[in-house]
Amino acid sequence: LLALSSEDQLRQRMAWALYQHFNVATKTIKGASEDEPHLFFYDIFVRNSFGNFFDVLKQISFNPKMGELFTFDHSVSSRTKWDGRDRKLEYPDENFARELMQLFTIGLHKLNPDGTKTLDRFGKAIQTYDNKDILSFARVWTGFNLGDRRGSG
């Protein structure tokens, strides 16, 4: 409702549009303990409505809501994990790396200036990234652990 009555309606509408693009609400927000993290996330877009996209990406990437949604919280670069008698290699969580490239930035396919897919000499769409890129990027997003949430009341 702030967008309808405030003096900075364009900023509020831009913030709402960006929030819809980078939405982290996976369920209905129930209770005051969930209000503050979502409002803090939304404020990123209010502050950066007319800024550059890099600043938005940086701030949302380090936001705890992204760590929860895209599961890079407690991710490891690679390690051997002992599980009872067995030993297995654990790889970094690729979810955030894939979604950041696919949904929020470059997309799946290289595009021509008119928005159509760029094709290779065999007529197949050119991919913008591959699994090696995802794994490399996923390793960058390791070592993050959420701290305890503070009370709001």
N, C-alpha and C. Protein backbone atom coordinates (compact mmCIF):
# COMPACT_ATOMS: atom_id res chain seq x y z
N LEU A 1 0.81 -1.20 0.00
CA LEU A 1 0.00 0.00 0.00
C LEU A 1 0.85 1.26 0.00
N LEU A 2 2.09 1.15 0.42
CA LEU A 2 2.97 2.30 0.42
C LEU A 2 3.15 2.86 -1.00
N ALA A 3 3.16 1.98 -1.98
CA ALA A 3 3.35 2.42 -3.36
C ALA A 3 2.18 3.26 -3.86
N LEU A 4 1.01 3.09 -3.26
CA LEU A 4 -0.16 3.84 -3.71
C LEU A 4 -0.23 5.25 -3.13
N SER A 5 0.38 5.46 -1.97
CA SER A 5 0.21 6.75 -1.32
C SER A 5 1.51 7.51 -1.05
N SER A 6 2.65 6.91 -1.27
CA SER A 6 3.90 7.59 -0.95
C SER A 6 4.31 8.55 -2.07
N GLU A 7 5.25 9.43 -1.72
CA GLU A 7 5.74 10.39 -2.70
C GLU A 7 6.70 9.76 -3.70
N ASP A 8 7.24 8.59 -3.36
CA ASP A 8 8.18 7.92 -4.26
C ASP A 8 7.55 6.65 -4.85
N GLN A 9 6.41 6.83 -5.51
CA GLN A 9 5.67 5.70 -6.05
C GLN A 9 6.49 4.89 -7.05
N LEU A 10 7.26 5.56 -7.89
CA LEU A 10 8.04 4.83 -8.88
C LEU A 10 9.08 3.93 -8.20
N ARG A 11 9.75 4.45 -7.17
CA ARG A 11 10.71 3.64 -6.42
C ARG A 11 10.02 2.42 -5.80
N GLN A 12 8.87 2.63 -5.20
CA GLN A 12 8.15 1.54 -4.56
C GLN A 12 7.69 0.49 -5.58
N ARG A 13 7.27 0.94 -6.73
CA ARG A 13 6.84 0.00 -7.77
C ARG A 13 8.01 -0.76 -8.36
N MET A 14 9.14 -0.09 -8.53
CA MET A 14 10.36 -0.78 -8.98
C MET A 14 10.79 -1.81 -7.95
N ALA A 15 10.75 -1.45 -6.68
CA ALA A 15 11.13 -2.38 -5.61
C ALA A 15 10.22 -3.60 -5.63
N TRP A 16 8.94 -3.39 -5.81
CA TRP A 16 8.00 -4.50 -5.85
C TRP A 16 8.27 -5.41 -7.05
N ALA A 17 8.56 -4.82 -8.20
CA ALA A 17 8.87 -5.62 -9.39
C ALA A 17 10.13 -6.45 -9.18
N LEU A 18 11.17 -5.85 -8.60
CA LEU A 18 12.40 -6.59 -8.33
C LEU A 18 12.16 -7.69 -7.30
N TYR A 19 11.36 -7.40 -6.30
CA TYR A 19 11.04 -8.40 -5.27
C TYR A 19 10.33 -9.60 -5.90
N GLN A 20 9.46 -9.34 -6.85
CA GLN A 20 8.77 -10.44 -7.53
C GLN A 20 9.74 -11.29 -8.35
N HIS A 21 10.74 -10.66 -8.93
CA HIS A 21 11.75 -11.39 -9.73
C HIS A 21 12.64 -12.24 -8.83
N PHE A 22 13.02 -11.73 -7.68
CA PHE A 22 13.93 -12.41 -6.75
C PHE A 22 13.18 -12.93 -5.52
N ASN A 23 11.97 -13.38 -5.68
CA ASN A 23 11.14 -13.74 -4.55
C ASN A 23 11.72 -14.92 -3.77
N VAL A 24 11.76 -14.80 -2.45
CA VAL A 24 12.28 -15.86 -1.59
C VAL A 24 11.21 -16.45 -0.67
N ALA A 25 9.98 -16.03 -0.84
CA ALA A 25 8.90 -16.55 0.01
C ALA A 25 8.42 -17.88 -0.56
N THR A 26 8.77 -18.97 0.11
CA THR A 26 8.35 -20.29 -0.35
C THR A 26 7.04 -20.73 0.29
N LYS A 27 6.61 -20.01 1.30
CA LYS A 27 5.37 -20.34 2.00
C LYS A 27 4.77 -19.04 2.51
N THR A 28 3.59 -19.14 3.05
CA THR A 28 2.94 -17.98 3.65
C THR A 28 3.73 -17.56 4.89
N ILE A 29 3.95 -16.28 5.03
CA ILE A 29 4.66 -15.76 6.20
C ILE A 29 3.71 -15.81 7.39
N LYS A 30 4.12 -16.57 8.40
CA LYS A 30 3.26 -16.76 9.57
C LYS A 30 3.98 -16.25 10.81
N GLY A 31 3.52 -15.17 11.36
CA GLY A 31 4.06 -14.69 12.62
C GLY A 31 5.16 -13.67 12.47
N ALA A 32 5.39 -12.95 13.56
CA ALA A 32 6.35 -11.85 13.58
C ALA A 32 7.79 -12.32 13.38
N SER A 33 8.10 -13.56 13.73
CA SER A 33 9.48 -14.03 13.59
C SER A 33 9.91 -14.12 12.13
N GLU A 34 8.95 -14.20 11.22
CA GLU A 34 9.26 -14.28 9.80
C GLU A 34 9.13 -12.93 9.08
N ASP A 35 8.50 -11.96 9.73
CA ASP A 35 8.30 -10.66 9.10
C ASP A 35 9.62 -9.94 8.82
N GLU A 36 10.44 -9.82 9.85
CA GLU A 36 11.64 -9.01 9.73
C GLU A 36 12.60 -9.48 8.63
N PRO A 37 12.90 -10.78 8.50
CA PRO A 37 13.79 -11.19 7.41
C PRO A 37 13.26 -10.85 6.02
N HIS A 38 11.95 -10.97 5.84
CA HIS A 38 11.37 -10.64 4.53
C HIS A 38 11.36 -9.13 4.27
N LEU A 39 11.10 -8.36 5.31
CA LEU A 39 11.15 -6.90 5.15
C LEU A 39 12.57 -6.43 4.87
N PHE A 40 13.54 -7.03 5.53
CA PHE A 40 14.93 -6.70 5.29
C PHE A 40 15.31 -7.03 3.85
N PHE A 41 14.85 -8.17 3.35
CA PHE A 41 15.10 -8.57 1.96
C PHE A 41 14.44 -7.58 1.00
N TYR A 42 13.20 -7.20 1.27
CA TYR A 42 12.48 -6.24 0.42
C TYR A 42 13.18 -4.89 0.41
N ASP A 43 13.73 -4.48 1.55
CA ASP A 43 14.41 -3.18 1.63
C ASP A 43 15.62 -3.11 0.70
N ILE A 44 16.21 -4.23 0.37
CA ILE A 44 17.31 -4.24 -0.61
C ILE A 44 16.85 -3.60 -1.91
N PHE A 45 15.65 -3.93 -2.33
CA PHE A 45 15.13 -3.42 -3.60
C PHE A 45 14.68 -1.96 -3.49
N VAL A 46 14.19 -1.57 -2.33
CA VAL A 46 13.83 -0.16 -2.13
C VAL A 46 15.09 0.70 -2.23
N ARG A 47 16.16 0.26 -1.56
CA ARG A 47 17.43 1.01 -1.59
C ARG A 47 18.06 1.04 -2.98
N ASN A 48 17.86 0.00 -3.75
CA ASN A 48 18.56 -0.14 -5.04
C ASN A 48 17.64 -0.06 -6.25
N SER A 49 16.45 0.50 -6.09
CA SER A 49 15.50 0.56 -7.20
C SER A 49 16.09 1.20 -8.46
N PHE A 50 16.89 2.22 -8.26
CA PHE A 50 17.46 2.93 -9.40
C PHE A 50 18.98 2.78 -9.45
N GLY A 51 19.50 1.80 -8.73
CA GLY A 51 20.94 1.54 -8.73
C GLY A 51 21.32 0.59 -9.84
N ASN A 52 22.50 -0.04 -9.68
CA ASN A 52 22.90 -0.99 -10.72
C ASN A 52 22.60 -2.42 -10.28
N PHE A 53 22.49 -3.28 -11.27
CA PHE A 53 22.08 -4.66 -11.05
C PHE A 53 23.12 -5.44 -10.24
N PHE A 54 24.39 -5.11 -10.39
CA PHE A 54 25.44 -5.79 -9.62
C PHE A 54 25.23 -5.61 -8.12
N ASP A 55 24.90 -4.40 -7.69
CA ASP A 55 24.67 -4.15 -6.27
C ASP A 55 23.49 -4.97 -5.74
N VAL A 56 22.44 -5.08 -6.55
CA VAL A 56 21.28 -5.89 -6.16
C VAL A 56 21.70 -7.35 -6.01
N LEU A 57 22.41 -7.88 -7.01
CA LEU A 57 22.85 -9.27 -6.94
C LEU A 57 23.75 -9.54 -5.74
N LYS A 58 24.64 -8.62 -5.48
CA LYS A 58 25.55 -8.79 -4.34
C LYS A 58 24.79 -8.84 -3.03
N GLN A 59 23.86 -7.90 -2.85
CA GLN A 59 23.14 -7.83 -1.58
C GLN A 59 22.18 -9.00 -1.39
N ILE A 60 21.51 -9.43 -2.45
CA ILE A 60 20.61 -10.58 -2.27
C ILE A 60 21.39 -11.87 -2.07
N SER A 61 22.57 -11.96 -2.69
CA SER A 61 23.37 -13.18 -2.57
C SER A 61 23.86 -13.40 -1.14
N PHE A 62 24.16 -12.33 -0.43
CA PHE A 62 24.63 -12.45 0.94
C PHE A 62 23.48 -12.41 1.96
N ASN A 63 22.26 -12.33 1.49
CA ASN A 63 21.12 -12.28 2.39
C ASN A 63 20.78 -13.69 2.89
N PRO A 64 20.51 -13.85 4.18
CA PRO A 64 20.19 -15.17 4.73
C PRO A 64 19.00 -15.86 4.07
N LYS A 65 18.02 -15.09 3.58
CA LYS A 65 16.86 -15.71 2.94
C LYS A 65 17.27 -16.48 1.69
N MET A 66 18.25 -15.97 0.94
CA MET A 66 18.75 -16.70 -0.24
C MET A 66 19.47 -17.97 0.17
N GLY A 67 20.24 -17.89 1.26
CA GLY A 67 20.93 -19.08 1.75
C GLY A 67 19.98 -20.18 2.16
N GLU A 68 18.86 -19.79 2.73
CA GLU A 68 17.84 -20.77 3.11
C GLU A 68 17.14 -21.35 1.90
N LEU A 69 16.71 -20.49 1.00
CA LEU A 69 15.93 -20.93 -0.16
C LEU A 69 16.78 -21.77 -1.12
N PHE A 70 17.97 -21.30 -1.42
CA PHE A 70 18.80 -21.99 -2.41
C PHE A 70 19.86 -22.88 -1.79
N THR A 71 19.73 -23.16 -0.53
CA THR A 71 20.47 -24.20 0.19
C THR A 71 21.98 -24.14 0.10
N PHE A 72 22.57 -22.94 -0.04
CA PHE A 72 24.03 -22.90 0.00
C PHE A 72 24.54 -22.70 1.42
N ASP A 73 23.63 -22.59 2.37
CA ASP A 73 24.01 -22.56 3.79
C ASP A 73 24.61 -23.92 4.16
N HIS A 74 25.78 -23.93 4.77
CA HIS A 74 26.54 -25.12 5.17
C HIS A 74 27.07 -25.93 3.99
N SER A 75 27.15 -25.35 2.81
CA SER A 75 27.70 -26.05 1.66
C SER A 75 29.23 -26.12 1.78
N VAL A 76 29.81 -27.17 1.25
CA VAL A 76 31.26 -27.35 1.31
C VAL A 76 31.83 -27.42 -0.10
N SER A 77 33.09 -27.04 -0.26
CA SER A 77 33.73 -27.08 -1.58
C SER A 77 33.85 -28.52 -2.05
N SER A 78 34.44 -29.36 -1.27
CA SER A 78 34.44 -30.81 -1.46
C SER A 78 35.12 -31.40 -0.24
N ARG A 79 34.66 -32.53 0.18
CA ARG A 79 35.25 -33.17 1.34
C ARG A 79 34.86 -34.64 1.35
N THR A 80 35.60 -35.39 2.10
CA THR A 80 35.26 -36.79 2.32
C THR A 80 34.45 -36.87 3.59
N LYS A 81 33.28 -37.44 3.49
CA LYS A 81 32.39 -37.54 4.63
C LYS A 81 32.30 -39.01 5.06
N TRP A 82 32.54 -39.25 6.33
CA TRP A 82 32.45 -40.60 6.86
C TRP A 82 31.02 -40.83 7.33
N ASP A 83 30.40 -41.84 6.79
CA ASP A 83 29.03 -42.15 7.14
C ASP A 83 29.00 -43.61 7.60
N GLY A 84 29.18 -43.81 8.90
CA GLY A 84 29.25 -45.19 9.41
C GLY A 84 30.53 -45.86 8.93
N ARG A 85 30.40 -46.94 8.21
CA ARG A 85 31.56 -47.66 7.68
C ARG A 85 32.02 -47.13 6.34
N ASP A 86 31.14 -46.42 5.65
CA ASP A 86 31.44 -45.97 4.28
C ASP A 86 32.03 -44.57 4.27
N ARG A 87 32.79 -44.33 3.24
CA ARG A 87 33.38 -43.03 3.03
C ARG A 87 32.88 -42.53 1.67
N LYS A 88 32.39 -41.31 1.62
CA LYS A 88 31.92 -40.79 0.34
C LYS A 88 32.36 -39.35 0.17
N LEU A 89 32.52 -38.96 -1.07
CA LEU A 89 32.94 -37.61 -1.39
C LEU A 89 31.70 -36.73 -1.47
N GLU A 90 31.74 -35.59 -0.81
CA GLU A 90 30.62 -34.65 -0.80
C GLU A 90 31.00 -33.44 -1.65
N TYR A 91 30.11 -33.04 -2.52
CA TYR A 91 30.35 -31.91 -3.43
C TYR A 91 29.56 -30.69 -2.98
N PRO A 92 29.91 -29.51 -3.48
CA PRO A 92 29.16 -28.31 -3.10
C PRO A 92 27.74 -28.35 -3.64
N ASP A 93 26.85 -27.67 -2.94
CA ASP A 93 25.47 -27.55 -3.39
C ASP A 93 25.44 -26.64 -4.62
N GLU A 94 24.88 -27.14 -5.71
CA GLU A 94 24.88 -26.41 -6.99
C GLU A 94 23.62 -25.59 -7.21
N ASN A 95 22.67 -25.65 -6.30
CA ASN A 95 21.38 -25.02 -6.49
C ASN A 95 21.48 -23.51 -6.73
N PHE A 96 22.15 -22.79 -5.84
CA PHE A 96 22.22 -21.34 -5.98
C PHE A 96 22.99 -20.94 -7.23
N ALA A 97 24.09 -21.62 -7.51
CA ALA A 97 24.89 -21.31 -8.69
C ALA A 97 24.05 -21.45 -9.96
N ARG A 98 23.31 -22.53 -10.05
CA ARG A 98 22.48 -22.78 -11.23
C ARG A 98 21.36 -21.74 -11.35
N GLU A 99 20.68 -21.49 -10.25
CA GLU A 99 19.55 -20.55 -10.29
C GLU A 99 19.99 -19.12 -10.55
N LEU A 100 21.13 -18.72 -9.99
CA LEU A 100 21.61 -17.37 -10.23
C LEU A 100 21.90 -17.14 -11.71
N MET A 101 22.51 -18.13 -12.34
CA MET A 101 22.80 -18.00 -13.78
C MET A 101 21.54 -18.17 -14.62
N GLN A 102 20.73 -19.18 -14.31
CA GLN A 102 19.58 -19.50 -15.15
C GLN A 102 18.43 -18.53 -14.98
N LEU A 103 18.03 -18.25 -13.74
CA LEU A 103 16.85 -17.42 -13.50
C LEU A 103 17.12 -15.93 -13.41
N PHE A 104 18.23 -15.56 -12.76
CA PHE A 104 18.42 -14.16 -12.41
C PHE A 104 19.34 -13.39 -13.34
N THR A 105 20.18 -14.07 -14.12
CA THR A 105 21.14 -13.31 -14.93
C THR A 105 21.14 -13.75 -16.39
N ILE A 106 22.00 -14.68 -16.79
CA ILE A 106 22.26 -14.93 -18.21
C ILE A 106 21.29 -15.86 -18.91
N GLY A 107 20.53 -16.67 -18.19
CA GLY A 107 19.58 -17.58 -18.82
C GLY A 107 20.26 -18.82 -19.38
N LEU A 108 19.47 -19.70 -19.97
CA LEU A 108 19.99 -20.97 -20.47
C LEU A 108 20.73 -20.86 -21.79
N HIS A 109 20.25 -19.98 -22.68
CA HIS A 109 20.80 -19.91 -24.03
C HIS A 109 21.29 -18.51 -24.38
N LYS A 110 22.32 -18.47 -25.19
CA LYS A 110 22.82 -17.21 -25.70
C LYS A 110 21.77 -16.65 -26.66
N LEU A 111 21.54 -15.33 -26.57
CA LEU A 111 20.49 -14.71 -27.38
C LEU A 111 21.07 -13.70 -28.37
N ASN A 112 20.37 -13.56 -29.48
CA ASN A 112 20.68 -12.52 -30.46
C ASN A 112 20.09 -11.20 -29.96
N PRO A 113 20.49 -10.07 -30.54
CA PRO A 113 19.94 -8.79 -30.10
C PRO A 113 18.41 -8.71 -30.18
N ASP A 114 17.79 -9.50 -31.08
CA ASP A 114 16.33 -9.47 -31.19
C ASP A 114 15.63 -10.43 -30.23
N GLY A 115 16.41 -11.12 -29.37
CA GLY A 115 15.83 -12.01 -28.38
C GLY A 115 15.70 -13.46 -28.80
N THR A 116 16.01 -13.76 -30.04
CA THR A 116 15.96 -15.15 -30.48
C THR A 116 17.24 -15.87 -30.06
N LYS A 117 17.16 -17.20 -29.97
CA LYS A 117 18.31 -17.98 -29.55
C LYS A 117 19.40 -17.98 -30.63
N THR A 118 20.64 -17.86 -30.19
CA THR A 118 21.78 -17.97 -31.10
C THR A 118 22.01 -19.45 -31.36
N LEU A 119 22.16 -19.82 -32.62
CA LEU A 119 22.33 -21.21 -33.00
C LEU A 119 23.75 -21.48 -33.45
N ASP A 120 24.19 -22.71 -33.19
CA ASP A 120 25.52 -23.12 -33.68
C ASP A 120 25.40 -23.58 -35.14
N ARG A 121 26.47 -24.07 -35.70
CA ARG A 121 26.45 -24.45 -37.12
C ARG A 121 25.57 -25.66 -37.41
N PHE A 122 25.15 -26.37 -36.35
CA PHE A 122 24.26 -27.52 -36.51
C PHE A 122 22.80 -27.18 -36.24
N GLY A 123 22.54 -25.91 -35.96
CA GLY A 123 21.18 -25.45 -35.71
C GLY A 123 20.69 -25.64 -34.29
N LYS A 124 21.59 -25.95 -33.37
CA LYS A 124 21.21 -26.12 -31.97
C LYS A 124 21.52 -24.84 -31.18
N ALA A 125 20.68 -24.56 -30.19
CA ALA A 125 20.86 -23.37 -29.36
C ALA A 125 22.17 -23.47 -28.58
N ILE A 126 22.89 -22.35 -28.50
CA ILE A 126 24.17 -22.30 -27.79
C ILE A 126 23.90 -22.07 -26.31
N GLN A 127 24.41 -22.97 -25.48
CA GLN A 127 24.24 -22.87 -24.03
C GLN A 127 25.14 -21.74 -23.49
N THR A 128 24.67 -21.05 -22.47
CA THR A 128 25.46 -19.97 -21.87
C THR A 128 26.44 -20.49 -20.82
N TYR A 129 26.18 -21.67 -20.29
CA TYR A 129 27.06 -22.26 -19.29
C TYR A 129 26.90 -23.78 -19.33
N ASP A 130 27.84 -24.49 -18.72
CA ASP A 130 27.76 -25.95 -18.66
C ASP A 130 27.97 -26.41 -17.21
N ASN A 131 28.01 -27.71 -16.99
CA ASN A 131 28.14 -28.24 -15.62
C ASN A 131 29.45 -27.84 -14.96
N LYS A 132 30.51 -27.68 -15.75
CA LYS A 132 31.79 -27.25 -15.19
C LYS A 132 31.67 -25.84 -14.61
N ASP A 133 30.97 -24.96 -15.32
CA ASP A 133 30.73 -23.61 -14.83
C ASP A 133 29.92 -23.63 -13.53
N ILE A 134 28.90 -24.47 -13.49
CA ILE A 134 28.05 -24.57 -12.30
C ILE A 134 28.86 -25.04 -11.10
N LEU A 135 29.65 -26.09 -11.29
CA LEU A 135 30.45 -26.63 -10.19
C LEU A 135 31.48 -25.60 -9.70
N SER A 136 32.13 -24.90 -10.64
CA SER A 136 33.10 -23.88 -10.26
C SER A 136 32.44 -22.76 -9.47
N PHE A 137 31.30 -22.30 -9.93
CA PHE A 137 30.58 -21.23 -9.26
C PHE A 137 30.04 -21.69 -7.91
N ALA A 138 29.59 -22.96 -7.83
CA ALA A 138 29.08 -23.49 -6.57
C ALA A 138 30.17 -23.53 -5.51
N ARG A 139 31.41 -23.79 -5.92
CA ARG A 139 32.51 -23.83 -4.95
C ARG A 139 32.77 -22.46 -4.34
N VAL A 140 32.47 -21.40 -5.09
CA VAL A 140 32.62 -20.04 -4.57
C VAL A 140 31.65 -19.82 -3.42
N TRP A 141 30.45 -20.39 -3.52
CA TRP A 141 29.40 -20.17 -2.52
C TRP A 141 29.42 -21.25 -1.45
N THR A 142 30.57 -21.47 -0.85
CA THR A 142 30.69 -22.43 0.24
C THR A 142 31.18 -21.72 1.49
N GLY A 143 31.00 -22.37 2.62
CA GLY A 143 31.50 -21.82 3.88
C GLY A 143 30.56 -20.85 4.55
N PHE A 144 29.35 -20.69 4.04
CA PHE A 144 28.38 -19.79 4.67
C PHE A 144 27.55 -20.56 5.68
N ASN A 145 27.44 -20.02 6.86
CA ASN A 145 26.59 -20.61 7.90
C ASN A 145 25.75 -19.49 8.51
N LEU A 146 24.47 -19.76 8.67
CA LEU A 146 23.57 -18.76 9.25
C LEU A 146 23.81 -18.64 10.75
N GLY A 147 23.80 -17.42 11.23
CA GLY A 147 23.90 -17.18 12.66
C GLY A 147 22.51 -17.27 13.28
N ASP A 148 22.45 -17.17 14.58
CA ASP A 148 21.16 -17.17 15.26
C ASP A 148 20.41 -15.90 14.93
N ARG A 149 19.10 -16.02 14.78
CA ARG A 149 18.27 -14.85 14.53
C ARG A 149 18.03 -14.12 15.85
N ARG A 150 18.04 -12.81 15.75
CA ARG A 150 17.78 -12.03 16.96
C ARG A 150 16.27 -11.87 17.13
N GLY A 151 15.85 -11.67 18.33
CA GLY A 151 14.44 -11.46 18.61
C GLY A 151 14.00 -10.09 18.19
N SER A 152 12.74 -9.93 17.86
CA SER A 152 12.24 -8.63 17.43
C SER A 152 11.20 -8.08 18.39
N GLY A 153 11.21 -8.55 19.60
CA GLY A 153 10.18 -8.01 20.42
C GLY A 153 10.38 -8.15 21.84
